[in-house]
Amino acid sequence: MRRFARSVPESIIDTSAALPSAAGVTPPSGAPDPALVAERERLTERFTIMQTELGGLFYEMAIRDHVRMEILMSSAAALQRIDAELSHVEHLLAGGDDGVGGHCPACGTVHARGAAFCSQCAEALAG
């Protein structure tokens, strides 16, 4: 299958306006917190990997007829913790910045308003 490049007429391209650099540009009002968006992406990727690994682990145990429930349950519990953290971040993104209390001074993880400890590193938060 051949692909053809489509050319854009020069009259459509506006080269007079330079794009601002990413550094120093603040998100527009109402835009989601970039730290929360990055955290959601990180957690989503981690959740997907852990879910795939759990499925593979069960498959390997099942084909060998040697299912170890304690191993599966510990992996499922770790996956559940990531899912809860991801749900929390998605909730914060859906509600805007109203629930964001700040960032952990030790690891930078976003925490909810009123949180006493960081959910990632257990650092005490100033409250």
N, C-alpha and C. Protein backbone atom coordinates (compact mmCIF):
# COMPACT_ATOMS: atom_id res chain seq x y z
N MET A 1 0.85 -1.17 0.00
CA MET A 1 0.00 0.00 0.00
C MET A 1 0.90 1.24 0.00
N ARG A 2 0.66 2.13 -0.92
CA ARG A 2 1.46 3.34 -1.01
C ARG A 2 0.79 4.46 -0.24
N ARG A 3 1.61 5.23 0.42
CA ARG A 3 1.10 6.38 1.16
C ARG A 3 1.54 7.64 0.42
N PHE A 4 0.64 8.56 0.33
CA PHE A 4 0.94 9.81 -0.33
C PHE A 4 0.98 10.93 0.70
N ALA A 5 2.01 11.71 0.65
CA ALA A 5 2.11 12.86 1.56
C ALA A 5 1.24 13.97 1.02
N ARG A 6 0.43 14.53 1.91
CA ARG A 6 -0.40 15.65 1.48
C ARG A 6 0.35 16.94 1.77
N SER A 7 0.37 17.78 0.79
CA SER A 7 1.06 19.05 1.00
C SER A 7 0.05 20.09 1.47
N VAL A 8 0.50 20.95 2.35
CA VAL A 8 -0.32 22.02 2.90
C VAL A 8 0.07 23.31 2.20
N PRO A 9 -0.90 24.03 1.65
CA PRO A 9 -0.58 25.28 0.99
C PRO A 9 0.08 26.25 1.96
N GLU A 10 1.07 26.98 1.46
CA GLU A 10 1.81 27.94 2.29
C GLU A 10 0.90 29.00 2.89
N SER A 11 -0.20 29.32 2.25
CA SER A 11 -1.09 30.36 2.75
C SER A 11 -1.78 29.96 4.05
N ILE A 12 -1.87 28.65 4.31
CA ILE A 12 -2.53 28.17 5.52
C ILE A 12 -1.59 28.21 6.71
N ILE A 13 -0.30 28.00 6.46
CA ILE A 13 0.68 27.94 7.54
C ILE A 13 1.06 29.35 7.97
N ASP A 14 0.85 29.64 9.26
CA ASP A 14 1.20 30.95 9.81
C ASP A 14 2.52 30.82 10.54
N THR A 15 3.59 31.25 9.92
CA THR A 15 4.90 31.13 10.54
C THR A 15 5.29 32.39 11.30
N SER A 16 4.43 33.40 11.28
CA SER A 16 4.78 34.66 11.94
C SER A 16 4.66 34.56 13.46
N ALA A 17 3.76 33.71 13.95
CA ALA A 17 3.57 33.58 15.39
C ALA A 17 4.42 32.43 15.91
N ALA A 18 5.33 32.74 16.78
CA ALA A 18 6.18 31.70 17.37
C ALA A 18 5.45 31.05 18.53
N LEU A 19 5.66 29.76 18.68
CA LEU A 19 5.04 29.04 19.78
C LEU A 19 5.83 29.29 21.05
N PRO A 20 5.15 29.49 22.19
CA PRO A 20 5.89 29.70 23.44
C PRO A 20 6.57 28.41 23.85
N SER A 21 7.68 28.53 24.53
CA SER A 21 8.37 27.33 25.01
C SER A 21 7.59 26.75 26.18
N ALA A 22 7.76 25.47 26.41
CA ALA A 22 7.02 24.80 27.48
C ALA A 22 7.45 25.29 28.86
N ALA A 23 8.71 25.69 28.98
CA ALA A 23 9.19 26.18 30.27
C ALA A 23 8.66 27.58 30.50
N GLY A 24 8.08 27.79 31.64
CA GLY A 24 7.57 29.11 31.98
C GLY A 24 6.15 29.38 31.52
N VAL A 25 5.54 28.46 30.79
CA VAL A 25 4.17 28.65 30.35
C VAL A 25 3.25 28.06 31.41
N THR A 26 2.36 28.86 31.92
CA THR A 26 1.42 28.37 32.91
C THR A 26 0.17 27.87 32.20
N PRO A 27 -0.42 26.79 32.69
CA PRO A 27 -1.61 26.28 32.05
C PRO A 27 -2.75 27.28 32.20
N PRO A 28 -3.65 27.35 31.20
CA PRO A 28 -4.76 28.28 31.30
C PRO A 28 -5.67 27.93 32.48
N SER A 29 -6.39 28.94 32.94
CA SER A 29 -7.29 28.73 34.06
C SER A 29 -8.29 27.62 33.72
N GLY A 30 -8.50 26.72 34.62
CA GLY A 30 -9.42 25.61 34.40
C GLY A 30 -8.73 24.39 33.81
N ALA A 31 -7.48 24.53 33.38
CA ALA A 31 -6.75 23.40 32.82
C ALA A 31 -6.31 22.50 33.97
N PRO A 32 -6.24 21.19 33.73
CA PRO A 32 -5.82 20.28 34.80
C PRO A 32 -4.36 20.51 35.19
N ASP A 33 -4.07 20.22 36.43
CA ASP A 33 -2.71 20.36 36.95
C ASP A 33 -1.79 19.39 36.20
N PRO A 34 -0.73 19.89 35.58
CA PRO A 34 0.16 19.00 34.82
C PRO A 34 0.78 17.90 35.68
N ALA A 35 1.01 18.18 36.96
CA ALA A 35 1.56 17.15 37.85
C ALA A 35 0.55 16.02 38.05
N LEU A 36 -0.72 16.37 38.15
CA LEU A 36 -1.76 15.35 38.30
C LEU A 36 -1.90 14.53 37.03
N VAL A 37 -1.84 15.19 35.89
CA VAL A 37 -1.95 14.48 34.61
C VAL A 37 -0.78 13.52 34.46
N ALA A 38 0.42 13.96 34.81
CA ALA A 38 1.60 13.09 34.72
C ALA A 38 1.48 11.92 35.70
N GLU A 39 0.96 12.19 36.89
CA GLU A 39 0.77 11.13 37.88
C GLU A 39 -0.26 10.12 37.38
N ARG A 40 -1.34 10.60 36.77
CA ARG A 40 -2.35 9.69 36.21
C ARG A 40 -1.74 8.80 35.14
N GLU A 41 -0.93 9.38 34.26
CA GLU A 41 -0.29 8.60 33.20
C GLU A 41 0.66 7.55 33.79
N ARG A 42 1.43 7.96 34.80
CA ARG A 42 2.36 7.02 35.44
C ARG A 42 1.60 5.87 36.11
N LEU A 43 0.52 6.20 36.82
CA LEU A 43 -0.26 5.17 37.51
C LEU A 43 -0.99 4.27 36.52
N THR A 44 -1.50 4.84 35.45
CA THR A 44 -2.19 4.04 34.43
C THR A 44 -1.24 3.03 33.81
N GLU A 45 -0.03 3.49 33.49
CA GLU A 45 0.96 2.58 32.92
C GLU A 45 1.34 1.49 33.91
N ARG A 46 1.55 1.88 35.15
CA ARG A 46 1.92 0.91 36.19
C ARG A 46 0.80 -0.10 36.42
N PHE A 47 -0.45 0.38 36.45
CA PHE A 47 -1.61 -0.49 36.63
C PHE A 47 -1.69 -1.51 35.50
N THR A 48 -1.52 -1.05 34.27
CA THR A 48 -1.61 -1.93 33.10
C THR A 48 -0.54 -3.01 33.15
N ILE A 49 0.67 -2.61 33.50
CA ILE A 49 1.77 -3.58 33.57
C ILE A 49 1.51 -4.61 34.67
N MET A 50 1.09 -4.13 35.83
CA MET A 50 0.85 -5.04 36.95
C MET A 50 -0.31 -5.99 36.66
N GLN A 51 -1.34 -5.49 35.98
CA GLN A 51 -2.49 -6.33 35.63
C GLN A 51 -2.06 -7.42 34.65
N THR A 52 -1.25 -7.04 33.69
CA THR A 52 -0.76 -8.01 32.71
C THR A 52 0.12 -9.06 33.39
N GLU A 53 0.99 -8.61 34.29
CA GLU A 53 1.86 -9.54 35.01
C GLU A 53 1.06 -10.50 35.88
N LEU A 54 -0.01 -9.99 36.51
CA LEU A 54 -0.84 -10.85 37.35
C LEU A 54 -1.53 -11.92 36.50
N GLY A 55 -2.03 -11.52 35.34
CA GLY A 55 -2.65 -12.49 34.44
C GLY A 55 -1.66 -13.54 33.96
N GLY A 56 -0.46 -13.09 33.62
CA GLY A 56 0.58 -14.02 33.19
C GLY A 56 1.00 -14.96 34.30
N LEU A 57 1.10 -14.41 35.52
CA LEU A 57 1.46 -15.22 36.67
C LEU A 57 0.42 -16.32 36.90
N PHE A 58 -0.85 -15.96 36.85
CA PHE A 58 -1.89 -16.97 37.05
C PHE A 58 -1.85 -18.01 35.93
N TYR A 59 -1.66 -17.56 34.70
CA TYR A 59 -1.60 -18.49 33.57
C TYR A 59 -0.47 -19.50 33.75
N GLU A 60 0.70 -19.00 34.10
CA GLU A 60 1.85 -19.90 34.29
C GLU A 60 1.59 -20.89 35.42
N MET A 61 0.97 -20.44 36.49
CA MET A 61 0.66 -21.35 37.59
C MET A 61 -0.38 -22.38 37.17
N ALA A 62 -1.38 -21.93 36.42
CA ALA A 62 -2.48 -22.82 36.03
C ALA A 62 -2.00 -23.91 35.07
N ILE A 63 -1.14 -23.57 34.10
CA ILE A 63 -0.72 -24.60 33.15
C ILE A 63 0.20 -25.63 33.81
N ARG A 64 0.79 -25.26 34.92
CA ARG A 64 1.64 -26.20 35.66
C ARG A 64 0.88 -26.89 36.79
N ASP A 65 -0.42 -26.55 36.89
CA ASP A 65 -1.29 -27.11 37.93
C ASP A 65 -0.68 -26.91 39.32
N HIS A 66 -0.18 -25.68 39.54
CA HIS A 66 0.45 -25.36 40.83
C HIS A 66 0.10 -23.91 41.19
N VAL A 67 -1.19 -23.67 41.44
CA VAL A 67 -1.66 -22.32 41.75
C VAL A 67 -1.40 -22.03 43.22
N ARG A 68 -0.68 -20.94 43.47
CA ARG A 68 -0.37 -20.52 44.83
C ARG A 68 -1.17 -19.25 45.12
N MET A 69 -2.25 -19.42 45.84
CA MET A 69 -3.17 -18.31 46.10
C MET A 69 -2.52 -17.17 46.87
N GLU A 70 -1.61 -17.47 47.80
CA GLU A 70 -1.00 -16.40 48.59
C GLU A 70 -0.17 -15.47 47.71
N ILE A 71 0.47 -16.02 46.70
CA ILE A 71 1.25 -15.19 45.77
C ILE A 71 0.31 -14.35 44.91
N LEU A 72 -0.75 -14.99 44.42
CA LEU A 72 -1.73 -14.26 43.60
C LEU A 72 -2.41 -13.16 44.41
N MET A 73 -2.73 -13.46 45.66
CA MET A 73 -3.42 -12.47 46.49
C MET A 73 -2.52 -11.29 46.82
N SER A 74 -1.23 -11.53 47.06
CA SER A 74 -0.34 -10.40 47.34
C SER A 74 -0.16 -9.53 46.10
N SER A 75 -0.09 -10.15 44.92
CA SER A 75 0.00 -9.36 43.68
C SER A 75 -1.29 -8.59 43.42
N ALA A 76 -2.43 -9.24 43.71
CA ALA A 76 -3.71 -8.56 43.52
C ALA A 76 -3.88 -7.41 44.50
N ALA A 77 -3.37 -7.56 45.72
CA ALA A 77 -3.45 -6.48 46.71
C ALA A 77 -2.61 -5.28 46.28
N ALA A 78 -1.43 -5.54 45.72
CA ALA A 78 -0.59 -4.44 45.21
C ALA A 78 -1.29 -3.74 44.05
N LEU A 79 -1.93 -4.52 43.19
CA LEU A 79 -2.67 -3.95 42.07
C LEU A 79 -3.85 -3.12 42.57
N GLN A 80 -4.50 -3.58 43.61
CA GLN A 80 -5.63 -2.86 44.19
C GLN A 80 -5.18 -1.52 44.78
N ARG A 81 -4.00 -1.48 45.39
CA ARG A 81 -3.48 -0.22 45.93
C ARG A 81 -3.22 0.80 44.82
N ILE A 82 -2.66 0.33 43.71
CA ILE A 82 -2.42 1.21 42.56
C ILE A 82 -3.75 1.70 41.99
N ASP A 83 -4.73 0.81 41.93
CA ASP A 83 -6.05 1.18 41.41
C ASP A 83 -6.70 2.25 42.29
N ALA A 84 -6.57 2.11 43.61
CA ALA A 84 -7.14 3.11 44.52
C ALA A 84 -6.44 4.45 44.36
N GLU A 85 -5.13 4.42 44.22
CA GLU A 85 -4.37 5.66 44.03
C GLU A 85 -4.74 6.32 42.71
N LEU A 86 -4.91 5.51 41.67
CA LEU A 86 -5.32 6.03 40.36
C LEU A 86 -6.72 6.63 40.43
N SER A 87 -7.62 5.98 41.13
CA SER A 87 -8.97 6.52 41.30
C SER A 87 -8.95 7.85 42.02
N HIS A 88 -8.08 7.97 43.01
CA HIS A 88 -7.96 9.22 43.76
C HIS A 88 -7.47 10.35 42.85
N VAL A 89 -6.46 10.07 42.05
CA VAL A 89 -5.92 11.08 41.13
C VAL A 89 -6.98 11.46 40.09
N GLU A 90 -7.71 10.48 39.56
CA GLU A 90 -8.76 10.78 38.59
C GLU A 90 -9.87 11.61 39.22
N HIS A 91 -10.17 11.34 40.48
CA HIS A 91 -11.17 12.14 41.20
C HIS A 91 -10.70 13.59 41.34
N LEU A 92 -9.43 13.77 41.68
CA LEU A 92 -8.88 15.12 41.79
C LEU A 92 -8.92 15.84 40.44
N LEU A 93 -8.62 15.12 39.38
CA LEU A 93 -8.66 15.74 38.05
C LEU A 93 -10.09 16.09 37.64
N ALA A 94 -11.04 15.25 37.98
CA ALA A 94 -12.43 15.51 37.61
C ALA A 94 -13.00 16.70 38.36
N GLY A 95 -12.57 16.89 39.60
CA GLY A 95 -13.08 17.98 40.41
C GLY A 95 -12.26 19.23 40.33
N GLY A 96 -11.30 19.27 39.45
CA GLY A 96 -10.42 20.43 39.36
C GLY A 96 -9.38 20.38 40.47
N ASP A 97 -8.85 21.51 40.80
CA ASP A 97 -7.81 21.59 41.83
C ASP A 97 -8.38 21.78 43.22
N ASP A 98 -9.71 21.69 43.37
CA ASP A 98 -10.33 21.94 44.67
C ASP A 98 -9.84 21.00 45.76
N GLY A 99 -9.53 19.75 45.42
CA GLY A 99 -9.14 18.79 46.43
C GLY A 99 -7.65 18.67 46.61
N VAL A 100 -6.87 19.36 45.82
CA VAL A 100 -5.42 19.24 45.90
C VAL A 100 -4.91 20.06 47.07
N GLY A 101 -4.21 19.38 47.98
CA GLY A 101 -3.65 20.08 49.12
C GLY A 101 -2.24 20.55 48.86
N GLY A 102 -1.57 19.91 47.94
CA GLY A 102 -0.20 20.29 47.61
C GLY A 102 0.59 19.09 47.16
N HIS A 103 1.91 19.24 47.23
CA HIS A 103 2.82 18.19 46.83
C HIS A 103 3.69 17.82 48.02
N CYS A 104 4.02 16.54 48.13
CA CYS A 104 4.88 16.07 49.21
C CYS A 104 6.26 16.70 49.08
N PRO A 105 6.80 17.24 50.17
CA PRO A 105 8.12 17.87 50.09
C PRO A 105 9.24 16.85 49.85
N ALA A 106 9.01 15.59 50.19
CA ALA A 106 10.05 14.57 50.04
C ALA A 106 10.08 13.95 48.64
N CYS A 107 8.89 13.57 48.12
CA CYS A 107 8.87 12.84 46.84
C CYS A 107 8.10 13.56 45.74
N GLY A 108 7.34 14.60 46.06
CA GLY A 108 6.63 15.37 45.05
C GLY A 108 5.27 14.84 44.67
N THR A 109 4.80 13.77 45.30
CA THR A 109 3.49 13.21 45.00
C THR A 109 2.39 14.18 45.42
N VAL A 110 1.35 14.30 44.59
CA VAL A 110 0.21 15.15 44.91
C VAL A 110 -0.56 14.52 46.06
N HIS A 111 -0.98 15.36 47.03
CA HIS A 111 -1.78 14.84 48.13
C HIS A 111 -3.04 15.68 48.28
N ALA A 112 -4.06 15.06 48.87
CA ALA A 112 -5.34 15.73 49.07
C ALA A 112 -5.24 16.74 50.20
N ARG A 113 -6.12 17.70 50.16
CA ARG A 113 -6.19 18.67 51.25
C ARG A 113 -6.54 17.95 52.54
N GLY A 114 -5.83 18.26 53.61
CA GLY A 114 -6.09 17.64 54.90
C GLY A 114 -5.33 16.35 55.14
N ALA A 115 -4.56 15.86 54.16
CA ALA A 115 -3.80 14.62 54.35
C ALA A 115 -2.68 14.86 55.36
N ALA A 116 -2.49 13.90 56.24
CA ALA A 116 -1.45 14.01 57.26
C ALA A 116 -0.13 13.40 56.80
N PHE A 117 -0.22 12.37 55.94
CA PHE A 117 0.97 11.68 55.46
C PHE A 117 0.89 11.47 53.96
N CYS A 118 2.03 11.41 53.32
CA CYS A 118 2.09 11.16 51.87
C CYS A 118 1.72 9.70 51.61
N SER A 119 0.89 9.45 50.60
CA SER A 119 0.48 8.10 50.27
C SER A 119 1.59 7.31 49.59
N GLN A 120 2.60 7.99 49.09
CA GLN A 120 3.68 7.32 48.37
C GLN A 120 4.85 6.97 49.30
N CYS A 121 5.31 7.94 50.10
CA CYS A 121 6.53 7.71 50.90
C CYS A 121 6.29 7.79 52.41
N ALA A 122 5.07 8.10 52.84
CA ALA A 122 4.68 8.17 54.25
C ALA A 122 5.32 9.33 55.00
N GLU A 123 5.81 10.31 54.26
CA GLU A 123 6.37 11.52 54.88
C GLU A 123 5.24 12.32 55.54
N ALA A 124 5.49 12.84 56.74
CA ALA A 124 4.49 13.68 57.41
C ALA A 124 4.34 14.98 56.63
N LEU A 125 3.11 15.38 56.41
CA LEU A 125 2.82 16.60 55.64
C LEU A 125 2.43 17.72 56.59
N ALA A 126 2.88 18.91 56.28
CA ALA A 126 2.50 20.07 57.09
C ALA A 126 1.04 20.34 56.83
N GLY A 127 0.29 20.51 57.86
CA GLY A 127 -1.12 20.63 57.61
C GLY A 127 -1.79 21.71 58.28
